Amino acid sequence: MSGNGDAAATAEENSPKMRVIRVGTRKSQLARIQTDSVVATLKALYPSLQFEIIAMSTTGDKILDTALSKIGEKSLFTKELEHALEKNEVDLVVHSLKDLPTVLPPGFTIGAICKRENPHDAVVFHPKFVGKTLETLPEKSVVGTSSLRRAAQLQRKFSHLEFRSIRGNLNTRLRKLDEQQEFSAIILATAGLQRMGWHNRVGQILHPEECMYAVGQEGGCSVPVAVHTAMKDGQLYLTGGVWSLDGSDSIQDTMQATIHVPAQHEDGPEDDPQLVGITARNIPRGPQLAAQNLGISLANLLLSKGAKNILDVARQLNDTH
């Protein structure tokens, strides 16, 4: 028995070790679900590698009694993970794209973006208001959201409601909704609820005419900016908008571009730092550049119509309140 054991130990020691890839992530349950999904995909692609998940808390996770836009920190949910990457404590990190700063630190790059899930926002109601919609909630009902993008749009659409900041991970926010009487409903990402297996809590999915969804990398927590995209007959339609904090002022517009994707195209775009992480093997360079240019053109159009003034005022008001 001992001889066999020693032989097995020797054989194991002499076998080549699997390379370990250390993956950084936030500690929240949703972040772990997202990271586990990414790691499972990587394992399928690279079966010879071993993956170790390293979870940590970020500034945004620790400060829960202040609205995100008031904390005054950049990279609220990414800074600690970035530091770990700089110090070689992890090899890569997994984020929700909307948590990333618009400009990445020097030397960092987006290595990959997973296929987007449902981008729309969802309303979760207090148990006593199940079956309601935002339209039918009583006058002065309080709706919780941590996003100025959501609050600005919904305040404009549902002026009979009051929108208040609510912080914490999904579990915490749902507990606050269910166990306290402060909120009649809260707004959350549909994708997050689905990943957590909480489909039954979705009381209403908000359509673009009610609340457009987040740009992949938003301009920060204090910037109410949103978009909606649609493909029809080879045309990509992009609608974008900016709002004042109370929703009373807004600028929106729509532009379109022809996006022709040849069947069975497998080349992907050539090396281009502007397209890192958003390439797809079945979409050639031309359509990707057309989509990118469409976004730039729409941004410039909105700016020419006064979007910068609205955003400057929104930032100033947010900083003084």
C-alpha atoms as a PDB file:
ATOM      1  CA  MET A   1       0.000   0.000   0.000  1.00  0.00           C
ATOM      2  CA  SER A   2       2.679   2.504   0.991  1.00  0.00           C
ATOM      3  CA  GLY A   3       4.792   1.516  -1.997  1.00  0.00           C
ATOM      4  CA  ASN A   4       1.952   2.167  -4.415  1.00  0.00           C
ATOM      5  CA  GLY A   5       1.260   5.452  -2.700  1.00  0.00           C
ATOM      6  CA  ASP A   6       4.884   6.558  -2.993  1.00  0.00           C
ATOM      7  CA  ALA A   7       4.963   5.609  -6.673  1.00  0.00           C
ATOM      8  CA  ALA A   8       1.815   7.601  -7.360  1.00  0.00           C
ATOM      9  CA  ALA A   9       3.215  10.616  -5.525  1.00  0.00           C
ATOM     10  CA  THR A  10       6.449  10.464  -7.492  1.00  0.00           C
ATOM     11  CA  ALA A  11       4.595  10.212 -10.784  1.00  0.00           C
ATOM     12  CA  GLU A  12       2.436  13.199  -9.889  1.00  0.00           C
ATOM     13  CA  GLU A  13       5.457  15.286  -8.903  1.00  0.00           C
ATOM     14  CA  ASN A  14       7.211  14.507 -12.182  1.00  0.00           C
ATOM     15  CA  SER A  15       4.191  15.296 -14.372  1.00  0.00           C
ATOM     16  CA  PRO A  16       4.099  18.756 -16.020  1.00  0.00           C
ATOM     17  CA  LYS A  17       2.125  21.292 -13.989  1.00  0.00           C
ATOM     18  CA  MET A  18      -0.881  22.957 -15.575  1.00  0.00           C
ATOM     19  CA  ARG A  19      -0.449  26.674 -16.102  1.00  0.00           C
ATOM     20  CA  VAL A  20      -2.648  28.605 -13.656  1.00  0.00           C
ATOM     21  CA  ILE A  21      -4.477  31.736 -14.844  1.00  0.00           C
ATOM     22  CA  ARG A  22      -5.553  33.966 -11.934  1.00  0.00           C
ATOM     23  CA  VAL A  23      -8.872  35.709 -12.584  1.00  0.00           C
ATOM     24  CA  GLY A  24      -9.842  38.738 -10.526  1.00  0.00           C
ATOM     25  CA  THR A  25     -13.464  39.602  -9.750  1.00  0.00           C
ATOM     26  CA  ARG A  26     -15.673  41.446  -7.275  1.00  0.00           C
ATOM     27  CA  LYS A  27     -17.079  39.401  -4.399  1.00  0.00           C
ATOM     28  CA  SER A  28     -20.779  39.947  -5.088  1.00  0.00           C
ATOM     29  CA  GLN A  29     -22.872  36.958  -6.076  1.00  0.00           C
ATOM     30  CA  LEU A  30     -23.715  38.457  -9.468  1.00  0.00           C
ATOM     31  CA  ALA A  31     -20.056  39.242 -10.178  1.00  0.00           C
ATOM     32  CA  ARG A  32     -19.123  35.660  -9.299  1.00  0.00           C
ATOM     33  CA  ILE A  33     -21.846  34.276 -11.570  1.00  0.00           C
ATOM     34  CA  GLN A  34     -20.564  36.409 -14.445  1.00  0.00           C
ATOM     35  CA  THR A  35     -16.955  35.443 -13.763  1.00  0.00           C
ATOM     36  CA  ASP A  36     -17.790  31.743 -13.463  1.00  0.00           C
ATOM     37  CA  SER A  37     -19.477  31.962 -16.860  1.00  0.00           C
ATOM     38  CA  VAL A  38     -16.405  33.582 -18.437  1.00  0.00           C
ATOM     39  CA  VAL A  39     -14.075  31.039 -16.836  1.00  0.00           C
ATOM     40  CA  ALA A  40     -16.239  28.154 -18.062  1.00  0.00           C
ATOM     41  CA  THR A  41     -15.969  29.521 -21.603  1.00  0.00           C
ATOM     42  CA  LEU A  42     -12.202  29.895 -21.279  1.00  0.00           C
ATOM     43  CA  LYS A  43     -11.851  26.353 -19.914  1.00  0.00           C
ATOM     44  CA  ALA A  44     -13.714  25.007 -22.930  1.00  0.00           C
ATOM     45  CA  LEU A  45     -11.404  26.934 -25.267  1.00  0.00           C
ATOM     46  CA  TYR A  46      -8.182  26.164 -23.359  1.00  0.00           C
ATOM     47  CA  PRO A  47      -8.546  22.788 -21.604  1.00  0.00           C
ATOM     48  CA  SER A  48      -4.813  22.647 -20.825  1.00  0.00           C
ATOM     49  CA  LEU A  49      -5.059  25.687 -18.532  1.00  0.00           C
ATOM     50  CA  GLN A  50      -6.183  25.861 -14.923  1.00  0.00           C
ATOM     51  CA  PHE A  51      -8.098  28.877 -13.630  1.00  0.00           C
ATOM     52  CA  GLU A  52      -8.084  30.301 -10.112  1.00  0.00           C
ATOM     53  CA  ILE A  53     -10.714  32.896  -9.189  1.00  0.00           C
ATOM     54  CA  ILE A  54      -9.600  35.635  -6.784  1.00  0.00           C
ATOM     55  CA  ALA A  55     -12.478  37.717  -5.391  1.00  0.00           C
ATOM     56  CA  MET A  56     -12.091  41.097  -3.705  1.00  0.00           C
ATOM     57  CA  SER A  57     -14.147  44.061  -2.509  1.00  0.00           C
ATOM     58  CA  THR A  58     -14.019  47.421  -4.289  1.00  0.00           C
ATOM     59  CA  THR A  59     -14.673  51.011  -3.184  1.00  0.00           C
ATOM     60  CA  GLY A  60     -18.159  50.827  -4.680  1.00  0.00           C
ATOM     61  CA  ASP A  61     -18.881  47.683  -2.664  1.00  0.00           C
ATOM     62  CA  LYS A  62     -17.707  49.209   0.633  1.00  0.00           C
ATOM     63  CA  ILE A  63     -19.442  52.622   0.536  1.00  0.00           C
ATOM     64  CA  LEU A  64     -23.153  51.848   0.575  1.00  0.00           C
ATOM     65  CA  ASP A  65     -24.646  54.889   2.297  1.00  0.00           C
ATOM     66  CA  THR A  66     -23.861  57.366  -0.488  1.00  0.00           C
ATOM     67  CA  ALA A  67     -25.150  57.644  -4.048  1.00  0.00           C
ATOM     68  CA  LEU A  68     -22.581  56.449  -6.578  1.00  0.00           C
ATOM     69  CA  SER A  69     -22.494  59.840  -8.280  1.00  0.00           C
ATOM     70  CA  LYS A  70     -21.688  61.561  -4.950  1.00  0.00           C
ATOM     71  CA  ILE A  71     -18.697  59.482  -3.900  1.00  0.00           C
ATOM     72  CA  GLY A  72     -16.358  61.419  -6.163  1.00  0.00           C
ATOM     73  CA  GLU A  73     -14.161  58.449  -7.006  1.00  0.00           C
ATOM     74  CA  LYS A  74     -13.412  57.196 -10.479  1.00  0.00           C
ATOM     75  CA  SER A  75     -13.355  53.462 -11.197  1.00  0.00           C
ATOM     76  CA  LEU A  76     -15.574  52.735  -8.178  1.00  0.00           C
ATOM     77  CA  PHE A  77     -15.959  49.057  -9.007  1.00  0.00           C
ATOM     78  CA  THR A  78     -12.658  48.495 -10.790  1.00  0.00           C
ATOM     79  CA  LYS A  79      -9.800  50.316  -9.013  1.00  0.00           C
ATOM     80  CA  GLU A  80      -8.836  47.557  -6.581  1.00  0.00           C
ATOM     81  CA  LEU A  81      -8.933  44.992  -9.370  1.00  0.00           C
ATOM     82  CA  GLU A  82      -6.776  47.243 -11.556  1.00  0.00           C
ATOM     83  CA  HIS A  83      -4.218  47.548  -8.748  1.00  0.00           C
ATOM     84  CA  ALA A  84      -4.097  43.761  -8.420  1.00  0.00           C
ATOM     85  CA  LEU A  85      -3.496  43.527 -12.168  1.00  0.00           C
ATOM     86  CA  GLU A  86      -0.701  46.123 -11.994  1.00  0.00           C
ATOM     87  CA  LYS A  87       0.986  44.250  -9.129  1.00  0.00           C
ATOM     88  CA  ASN A  88       0.725  40.937 -11.012  1.00  0.00           C
ATOM     89  CA  GLU A  89      -1.520  39.449  -8.340  1.00  0.00           C
ATOM     90  CA  VAL A  90      -3.990  38.438 -11.061  1.00  0.00           C
ATOM     91  CA  ASP A  91      -3.593  37.803 -14.781  1.00  0.00           C
ATOM     92  CA  LEU A  92      -6.958  39.174 -15.936  1.00  0.00           C
ATOM     93  CA  VAL A  93     -10.123  40.599 -14.419  1.00  0.00           C
ATOM     94  CA  VAL A  94     -13.795  40.283 -15.313  1.00  0.00           C
ATOM     95  CA  HIS A  95     -16.051  43.354 -15.123  1.00  0.00           C
ATOM     96  CA  SER A  96     -19.493  44.457 -16.143  1.00  0.00           C
ATOM     97  CA  LEU A  97     -18.639  46.671 -19.101  1.00  0.00           C
ATOM     98  CA  LYS A  98     -20.676  49.598 -17.750  1.00  0.00           C
ATOM     99  CA  ASP A  99     -18.463  49.682 -14.633  1.00  0.00           C
ATOM    100  CA  LEU A 100     -15.309  50.321 -16.649  1.00  0.00           C
ATOM    101  CA  PRO A 101     -14.007  53.895 -16.918  1.00  0.00           C
ATOM    102  CA  THR A 102     -14.277  55.441 -20.366  1.00  0.00           C
ATOM    103  CA  VAL A 103     -10.465  55.641 -20.587  1.00  0.00           C
ATOM    104  CA  LEU A 104      -8.515  52.614 -19.370  1.00  0.00           C
ATOM    105  CA  PRO A 105      -5.248  52.961 -17.392  1.00  0.00           C
ATOM    106  CA  PRO A 106      -2.017  52.895 -19.453  1.00  0.00           C
ATOM    107  CA  GLY A 107      -1.051  49.401 -20.513  1.00  0.00           C
ATOM    108  CA  PHE A 108      -4.522  47.946 -20.005  1.00  0.00           C
ATOM    109  CA  THR A 109      -6.777  46.698 -22.777  1.00  0.00           C
ATOM    110  CA  ILE A 110     -10.179  45.061 -23.146  1.00  0.00           C
ATOM    111  CA  GLY A 111      -9.270  41.520 -24.128  1.00  0.00           C
ATOM    112  CA  ALA A 112     -12.787  40.327 -24.950  1.00  0.00           C
ATOM    113  CA  ILE A 113     -16.423  41.299 -24.653  1.00  0.00           C
ATOM    114  CA  CYS A 114     -18.961  38.522 -24.241  1.00  0.00           C
ATOM    115  CA  LYS A 115     -22.160  38.449 -26.242  1.00  0.00           C
ATOM    116  CA  ARG A 116     -24.566  40.969 -24.756  1.00  0.00           C
ATOM    117  CA  GLU A 117     -27.585  39.659 -22.928  1.00  0.00           C
ATOM    118  CA  ASN A 118     -30.895  41.498 -22.557  1.00  0.00           C
ATOM    119  CA  PRO A 119     -29.817  45.170 -22.242  1.00  0.00           C
ATOM    120  CA  HIS A 120     -33.157  46.499 -20.979  1.00  0.00           C
ATOM    121  CA  ASP A 121     -33.974  47.647 -17.462  1.00  0.00           C
ATOM    122  CA  ALA A 122     -36.579  45.896 -15.327  1.00  0.00           C
ATOM    123  CA  VAL A 123     -38.910  47.019 -12.542  1.00  0.00           C
ATOM    124  CA  VAL A 124     -39.163  44.909  -9.396  1.00  0.00           C
ATOM    125  CA  PHE A 125     -42.170  45.808  -7.238  1.00  0.00           C
ATOM    126  CA  HIS A 126     -42.743  45.650  -3.495  1.00  0.00           C
ATOM    127  CA  PRO A 127     -44.924  42.588  -2.752  1.00  0.00           C
ATOM    128  CA  LYS A 128     -47.965  44.791  -2.075  1.00  0.00           C
ATOM    129  CA  PHE A 129     -47.692  46.304  -5.564  1.00  0.00           C
ATOM    130  CA  VAL A 130     -47.247  43.100  -7.571  1.00  0.00           C
ATOM    131  CA  GLY A 131     -49.263  43.386 -10.770  1.00  0.00           C
ATOM    132  CA  LYS A 132     -48.767  47.153 -11.001  1.00  0.00           C
ATOM    133  CA  THR A 133     -46.698  49.096 -13.537  1.00  0.00           C
ATOM    134  CA  LEU A 134     -44.817  52.348 -13.059  1.00  0.00           C
ATOM    135  CA  GLU A 135     -47.767  54.075 -14.727  1.00  0.00           C
ATOM    136  CA  THR A 136     -50.268  52.668 -12.234  1.00  0.00           C
ATOM    137  CA  LEU A 137     -48.263  53.107  -9.017  1.00  0.00           C
ATOM    138  CA  PRO A 138     -49.911  55.530  -6.577  1.00  0.00           C
ATOM    139  CA  GLU A 139     -48.959  59.229  -6.641  1.00  0.00           C
ATOM    140  CA  LYS A 140     -45.640  59.994  -4.872  1.00  0.00           C
ATOM    141  CA  SER A 141     -44.577  56.347  -4.779  1.00  0.00           C
ATOM    142  CA  VAL A 142     -40.827  56.072  -4.250  1.00  0.00           C
ATOM    143  CA  VAL A 143     -38.813  54.135  -6.819  1.00  0.00           C
ATOM    144  CA  GLY A 144     -35.208  53.189  -6.059  1.00  0.00           C
ATOM    145  CA  THR A 145     -32.336  53.224  -8.543  1.00  0.00           C
ATOM    146  CA  SER A 146     -28.587  53.764  -8.317  1.00  0.00           C
ATOM    147  CA  SER A 147     -28.434  55.138 -11.884  1.00  0.00           C
ATOM    148  CA  LEU A 148     -28.857  58.775 -12.912  1.00  0.00           C
ATOM    149  CA  ARG A 149     -29.470  57.510 -16.447  1.00  0.00           C
ATOM    150  CA  ARG A 150     -32.561  55.649 -15.303  1.00  0.00           C
ATOM    151  CA  ALA A 151     -33.775  58.307 -12.880  1.00  0.00           C
ATOM    152  CA  ALA A 152     -33.532  61.164 -15.380  1.00  0.00           C
ATOM    153  CA  GLN A 153     -35.462  59.341 -18.099  1.00  0.00           C
ATOM    154  CA  LEU A 154     -38.101  57.862 -15.830  1.00  0.00           C
ATOM    155  CA  GLN A 155     -38.698  61.125 -13.951  1.00  0.00           C
ATOM    156  CA  ARG A 156     -39.531  62.711 -17.301  1.00  0.00           C
ATOM    157  CA  LYS A 157     -41.876  59.889 -18.264  1.00  0.00           C
ATOM    158  CA  PHE A 158     -43.488  59.227 -14.857  1.00  0.00           C
ATOM    159  CA  SER A 159     -43.695  62.626 -13.182  1.00  0.00           C
ATOM    160  CA  HIS A 160     -46.078  61.331 -10.503  1.00  0.00           C
ATOM    161  CA  LEU A 161     -43.306  59.196  -8.992  1.00  0.00           C
ATOM    162  CA  GLU A 162     -40.332  60.065  -6.790  1.00  0.00           C
ATOM    163  CA  PHE A 163     -36.958  58.529  -7.601  1.00  0.00           C
ATOM    164  CA  ARG A 164     -34.427  57.904  -4.831  1.00  0.00           C
ATOM    165  CA  SER A 165     -30.962  56.380  -4.656  1.00  0.00           C
ATOM    166  CA  ILE A 166     -30.687  52.793  -3.455  1.00  0.00           C
ATOM    167  CA  ARG A 167     -27.320  51.092  -2.999  1.00  0.00           C
ATOM    168  CA  GLY A 168     -25.984  47.590  -2.429  1.00  0.00           C
ATOM    169  CA  ASN A 169     -25.684  44.413  -4.459  1.00  0.00           C
ATOM    170  CA  LEU A 170     -28.798  42.803  -5.909  1.00  0.00           C
ATOM    171  CA  ASN A 171     -29.452  40.733  -2.794  1.00  0.00           C
ATOM    172  CA  THR A 172     -29.210  43.820  -0.561  1.00  0.00           C
ATOM    173  CA  ARG A 173     -31.442  45.957  -2.770  1.00  0.00           C
ATOM    174  CA  LEU A 174     -34.124  43.290  -3.003  1.00  0.00           C
ATOM    175  CA  ARG A 175     -34.032  42.841   0.776  1.00  0.00           C
ATOM    176  CA  LYS A 176     -34.439  46.604   1.281  1.00  0.00           C
ATOM    177  CA  LEU A 177     -37.401  46.568  -1.109  1.00  0.00           C
ATOM    178  CA  ASP A 178     -39.156  43.597   0.477  1.00  0.00           C
ATOM    179  CA  GLU A 179     -38.457  44.222   4.172  1.00  0.00           C
ATOM    180  CA  GLN A 180     -38.724  48.000   4.370  1.00  0.00           C
ATOM    181  CA  GLN A 181     -41.576  50.295   3.428  1.00  0.00           C
ATOM    182  CA  GLU A 182     -39.482  53.043   1.797  1.00  0.00           C
ATOM    183  CA  PHE A 183     -39.622  51.807  -1.797  1.00  0.00           C
ATOM    184  CA  SER A 184     -42.619  50.819  -3.879  1.00  0.00           C
ATOM    185  CA  ALA A 185     -40.355  49.473  -6.615  1.00  0.00           C
ATOM    186  CA  ILE A 186     -36.718  49.405  -7.696  1.00  0.00           C
ATOM    187  CA  ILE A 187     -35.117  49.456 -11.153  1.00  0.00           C
ATOM    188  CA  LEU A 188     -32.518  46.781 -11.944  1.00  0.00           C
ATOM    189  CA  ALA A 189     -30.849  45.346 -15.016  1.00  0.00           C
ATOM    190  CA  THR A 190     -32.889  42.558 -16.585  1.00  0.00           C
ATOM    191  CA  ALA A 191     -29.686  40.643 -17.385  1.00  0.00           C
ATOM    192  CA  GLY A 192     -28.595  40.667 -13.742  1.00  0.00           C
ATOM    193  CA  LEU A 193     -31.937  39.355 -12.523  1.00  0.00           C
ATOM    194  CA  GLN A 194     -31.860  36.603 -15.135  1.00  0.00           C
ATOM    195  CA  ARG A 195     -28.300  35.585 -14.250  1.00  0.00           C
ATOM    196  CA  MET A 196     -29.311  35.324 -10.600  1.00  0.00           C
ATOM    197  CA  GLY A 197     -32.271  33.130 -11.529  1.00  0.00           C
ATOM    198  CA  TRP A 198     -34.789  35.710 -10.327  1.00  0.00           C
ATOM    199  CA  HIS A 199     -36.954  35.843 -13.449  1.00  0.00           C
ATOM    200  CA  ASN A 200     -40.082  35.755 -11.298  1.00  0.00           C
ATOM    201  CA  ARG A 201     -39.218  39.120  -9.707  1.00  0.00           C
ATOM    202  CA  VAL A 202     -39.395  40.973 -13.035  1.00  0.00           C
ATOM    203  CA  GLY A 203     -42.655  42.922 -12.836  1.00  0.00           C
ATOM    204  CA  GLN A 204     -42.121  45.122 -15.890  1.00  0.00           C
ATOM    205  CA  ILE A 205     -39.455  45.379 -18.593  1.00  0.00           C
ATOM    206  CA  LEU A 206     -38.897  48.963 -19.685  1.00  0.00           C
ATOM    207  CA  HIS A 207     -39.068  49.605 -23.425  1.00  0.00           C
ATOM    208  CA  PRO A 208     -36.740  52.124 -25.126  1.00  0.00           C
ATOM    209  CA  GLU A 209     -39.480  54.750 -25.315  1.00  0.00           C
ATOM    210  CA  GLU A 210     -39.660  54.583 -21.506  1.00  0.00           C
ATOM    211  CA  CYS A 211     -35.987  54.144 -20.655  1.00  0.00           C
ATOM    212  CA  MET A 212     -33.150  53.646 -23.118  1.00  0.00           C
ATOM    213  CA  TYR A 213     -30.365  51.433 -21.871  1.00  0.00           C
ATOM    214  CA  ALA A 214     -26.745  52.005 -20.945  1.00  0.00           C
ATOM    215  CA  VAL A 215     -23.988  52.585 -23.433  1.00  0.00           C
ATOM    216  CA  GLY A 216     -21.366  49.815 -23.122  1.00  0.00           C
ATOM    217  CA  GLN A 217     -18.975  52.185 -21.308  1.00  0.00           C
ATOM    218  CA  GLU A 218     -20.983  55.048 -19.847  1.00  0.00           C
ATOM    219  CA  GLY A 219     -19.423  58.475 -19.274  1.00  0.00           C
ATOM    220  CA  GLY A 220     -19.630  58.038 -15.493  1.00  0.00           C
ATOM    221  CA  CYS A 221     -22.248  57.770 -12.769  1.00  0.00           C
ATOM    222  CA  SER A 222     -23.123  61.472 -13.037  1.00  0.00           C
ATOM    223  CA  VAL A 223     -23.844  61.425 -16.758  1.00  0.00           C
ATOM    224  CA  PRO A 224     -27.412  60.585 -17.886  1.00  0.00           C
ATOM    225  CA  VAL A 225     -26.552  59.176 -21.327  1.00  0.00           C
ATOM    226  CA  ALA A 226     -28.376  56.288 -23.016  1.00  0.00           C
ATOM    227  CA  VAL A 227     -28.847  54.579 -26.372  1.00  0.00           C
ATOM    228  CA  HIS A 228     -31.032  52.169 -28.291  1.00  0.00           C
ATOM    229  CA  THR A 229     -30.013  50.177 -31.360  1.00  0.00           C
ATOM    230  CA  ALA A 230     -32.005  48.196 -33.888  1.00  0.00           C
ATOM    231  CA  MET A 231     -31.154  46.289 -37.081  1.00  0.00           C
ATOM    232  CA  LYS A 232     -33.653  46.191 -39.942  1.00  0.00           C
ATOM    233  CA  ASP A 233     -33.116  45.288 -43.603  1.00  0.00           C
ATOM    234  CA  GLY A 234     -29.364  45.788 -43.431  1.00  0.00           C
ATOM    235  CA  GLN A 235     -29.701  49.151 -41.673  1.00  0.00           C
ATOM    236  CA  LEU A 236     -28.327  49.794 -38.188  1.00  0.00           C
ATOM    237  CA  TYR A 237     -30.424  52.411 -36.393  1.00  0.00           C
ATOM    238  CA  LEU A 238     -28.807  54.128 -33.415  1.00  0.00           C
ATOM    239  CA  THR A 239     -30.802  56.398 -31.112  1.00  0.00           C
ATOM    240  CA  GLY A 240     -28.965  58.318 -28.426  1.00  0.00           C
ATOM    241  CA  GLY A 241     -29.947  60.842 -25.811  1.00  0.00           C
ATOM    242  CA  VAL A 242     -28.783  62.967 -22.901  1.00  0.00           C
ATOM    243  CA  TRP A 243     -30.967  64.267 -20.065  1.00  0.00           C
ATOM    244  CA  SER A 244     -30.893  66.842 -17.311  1.00  0.00           C
ATOM    245  CA  LEU A 245     -30.936  65.319 -13.820  1.00  0.00           C
ATOM    246  CA  ASP A 246     -34.658  65.966 -13.332  1.00  0.00           C
ATOM    247  CA  GLY A 247     -35.512  64.829 -16.860  1.00  0.00           C
ATOM    248  CA  SER A 248     -36.976  68.215 -17.778  1.00  0.00           C
ATOM    249  CA  ASP A 249     -34.466  68.844 -20.561  1.00  0.00           C
ATOM    250  CA  SER A 250     -33.257  66.318 -23.097  1.00  0.00           C
ATOM    251  CA  ILE A 251     -31.744  65.980 -26.542  1.00  0.00           C
ATOM    252  CA  GLN A 252     -32.332  62.835 -28.587  1.00  0.00           C
ATOM    253  CA  ASP A 253     -31.749  61.867 -32.191  1.00  0.00           C
ATOM    254  CA  THR A 254     -31.464  58.851 -34.444  1.00  0.00           C
ATOM    255  CA  MET A 255     -29.015  58.062 -37.234  1.00  0.00           C
ATOM    256  CA  GLN A 256     -28.589  55.011 -39.428  1.00  0.00           C
ATOM    257  CA  ALA A 257     -25.890  53.253 -41.428  1.00  0.00           C
ATOM    258  CA  THR A 258     -25.845  50.401 -43.885  1.00  0.00           C
ATOM    259  CA  ILE A 259     -24.345  47.296 -42.304  1.00  0.00           C
ATOM    260  CA  HIS A 260     -23.752  44.557 -44.861  1.00  0.00           C
ATOM    261  CA  VAL A 261     -22.334  41.334 -43.448  1.00  0.00           C
ATOM    262  CA  PRO A 262     -21.479  38.719 -46.104  1.00  0.00           C
ATOM    263  CA  ALA A 263     -22.605  35.194 -45.279  1.00  0.00           C
ATOM    264  CA  GLN A 264     -19.991  32.794 -43.900  1.00  0.00           C
ATOM    265  CA  HIS A 265     -17.392  35.511 -43.433  1.00  0.00           C
ATOM    266  CA  GLU A 266     -14.720  34.248 -41.033  1.00  0.00           C
ATOM    267  CA  ASP A 267     -11.810  36.660 -41.430  1.00  0.00           C
ATOM    268  CA  GLY A 268     -12.636  39.262 -38.805  1.00  0.00           C
ATOM    269  CA  PRO A 269     -11.072  42.716 -38.864  1.00  0.00           C
ATOM    270  CA  GLU A 270      -7.375  43.359 -39.224  1.00  0.00           C
ATOM    271  CA  ASP A 271      -5.429  44.501 -36.193  1.00  0.00           C
ATOM    272  CA  ASP A 272      -6.901  47.802 -35.069  1.00  0.00           C
ATOM    273  CA  PRO A 273      -6.492  49.127 -31.502  1.00  0.00           C
ATOM    274  CA  GLN A 274      -9.842  50.912 -31.806  1.00  0.00           C
ATOM    275  CA  LEU A 275     -11.599  47.570 -32.219  1.00  0.00           C
ATOM    276  CA  VAL A 276      -9.820  45.553 -29.546  1.00  0.00           C
ATOM    277  CA  GLY A 277     -12.260  43.343 -27.674  1.00  0.00           C
ATOM    278  CA  ILE A 278     -15.282  44.002 -29.863  1.00  0.00           C
ATOM    279  CA  THR A 279     -14.299  41.926 -32.868  1.00  0.00           C
ATOM    280  CA  ALA A 280     -16.397  39.000 -33.983  1.00  0.00           C
ATOM    281  CA  ARG A 281     -15.179  36.302 -36.334  1.00  0.00           C
ATOM    282  CA  ASN A 282     -18.316  36.436 -38.466  1.00  0.00           C
ATOM    283  CA  ILE A 283     -18.334  40.241 -38.858  1.00  0.00           C
ATOM    284  CA  PRO A 284     -15.724  41.731 -41.216  1.00  0.00           C
ATOM    285  CA  ARG A 285     -13.880  45.010 -40.795  1.00  0.00           C
ATOM    286  CA  GLY A 286     -16.213  47.149 -42.924  1.00  0.00           C
ATOM    287  CA  PRO A 287     -19.407  46.746 -40.864  1.00  0.00           C
ATOM    288  CA  GLN A 288     -17.523  47.199 -37.593  1.00  0.00           C
ATOM    289  CA  LEU A 289     -16.021  50.464 -38.780  1.00  0.00           C
ATOM    290  CA  ALA A 290     -19.428  51.570 -40.093  1.00  0.00           C
ATOM    291  CA  ALA A 291     -20.986  50.913 -36.681  1.00  0.00           C
ATOM    292  CA  GLN A 292     -18.149  52.706 -34.912  1.00  0.00           C
ATOM    293  CA  ASN A 293     -18.425  55.729 -37.209  1.00  0.00           C
ATOM    294  CA  LEU A 294     -22.194  55.780 -36.701  1.00  0.00           C
ATOM    295  CA  GLY A 295     -21.675  56.125 -32.957  1.00  0.00           C
ATOM    296  CA  ILE A 296     -19.142  58.916 -33.417  1.00  0.00           C
ATOM    297  CA  SER A 297     -21.418  60.747 -35.869  1.00  0.00           C
ATOM    298  CA  LEU A 298     -24.411  60.550 -33.535  1.00  0.00           C
ATOM    299  CA  ALA A 299     -22.326  61.796 -30.599  1.00  0.00           C
ATOM    300  CA  ASN A 300     -21.160  64.769 -32.658  1.00  0.00           C
ATOM    301  CA  LEU A 301     -24.740  65.486 -33.768  1.00  0.00           C
ATOM    302  CA  LEU A 302     -25.980  65.515 -30.172  1.00  0.00           C
ATOM    303  CA  LEU A 303     -23.108  67.760 -29.131  1.00  0.00           C
ATOM    304  CA  SER A 304     -23.929  70.191 -31.950  1.00  0.00           C
ATOM    305  CA  LYS A 305     -27.496  70.383 -30.622  1.00  0.00           C
ATOM    306  CA  GLY A 306     -26.392  71.339 -27.118  1.00  0.00           C
ATOM    307  CA  ALA A 307     -25.775  68.041 -25.355  1.00  0.00           C
ATOM    308  CA  LYS A 308     -22.559  69.315 -23.756  1.00  0.00           C
ATOM    309  CA  ASN A 309     -24.415  72.135 -22.010  1.00  0.00           C
ATOM    310  CA  ILE A 310     -26.966  69.700 -20.552  1.00  0.00           C
ATOM    311  CA  LEU A 311     -24.217  67.374 -19.324  1.00  0.00           C
ATOM    312  CA  ASP A 312     -22.149  70.221 -17.853  1.00  0.00           C
ATOM    313  CA  VAL A 313     -25.159  71.470 -15.882  1.00  0.00           C
ATOM    314  CA  ALA A 314     -25.961  67.912 -14.759  1.00  0.00           C
ATOM    315  CA  ARG A 315     -22.422  67.461 -13.429  1.00  0.00           C
ATOM    316  CA  GLN A 316     -22.487  70.822 -11.635  1.00  0.00           C
ATOM    317  CA  LEU A 317     -25.844  70.153 -10.017  1.00  0.00           C
ATOM    318  CA  ASN A 318     -24.772  66.689  -8.974  1.00  0.00           C
ATOM    319  CA  ASP A 319     -21.570  68.039  -7.414  1.00  0.00           C
ATOM    320  CA  THR A 320     -23.419  70.675  -5.361  1.00  0.00           C
ATOM    321  CA  HIS A 321     -26.231  68.459  -4.024  1.00  0.00           C
END
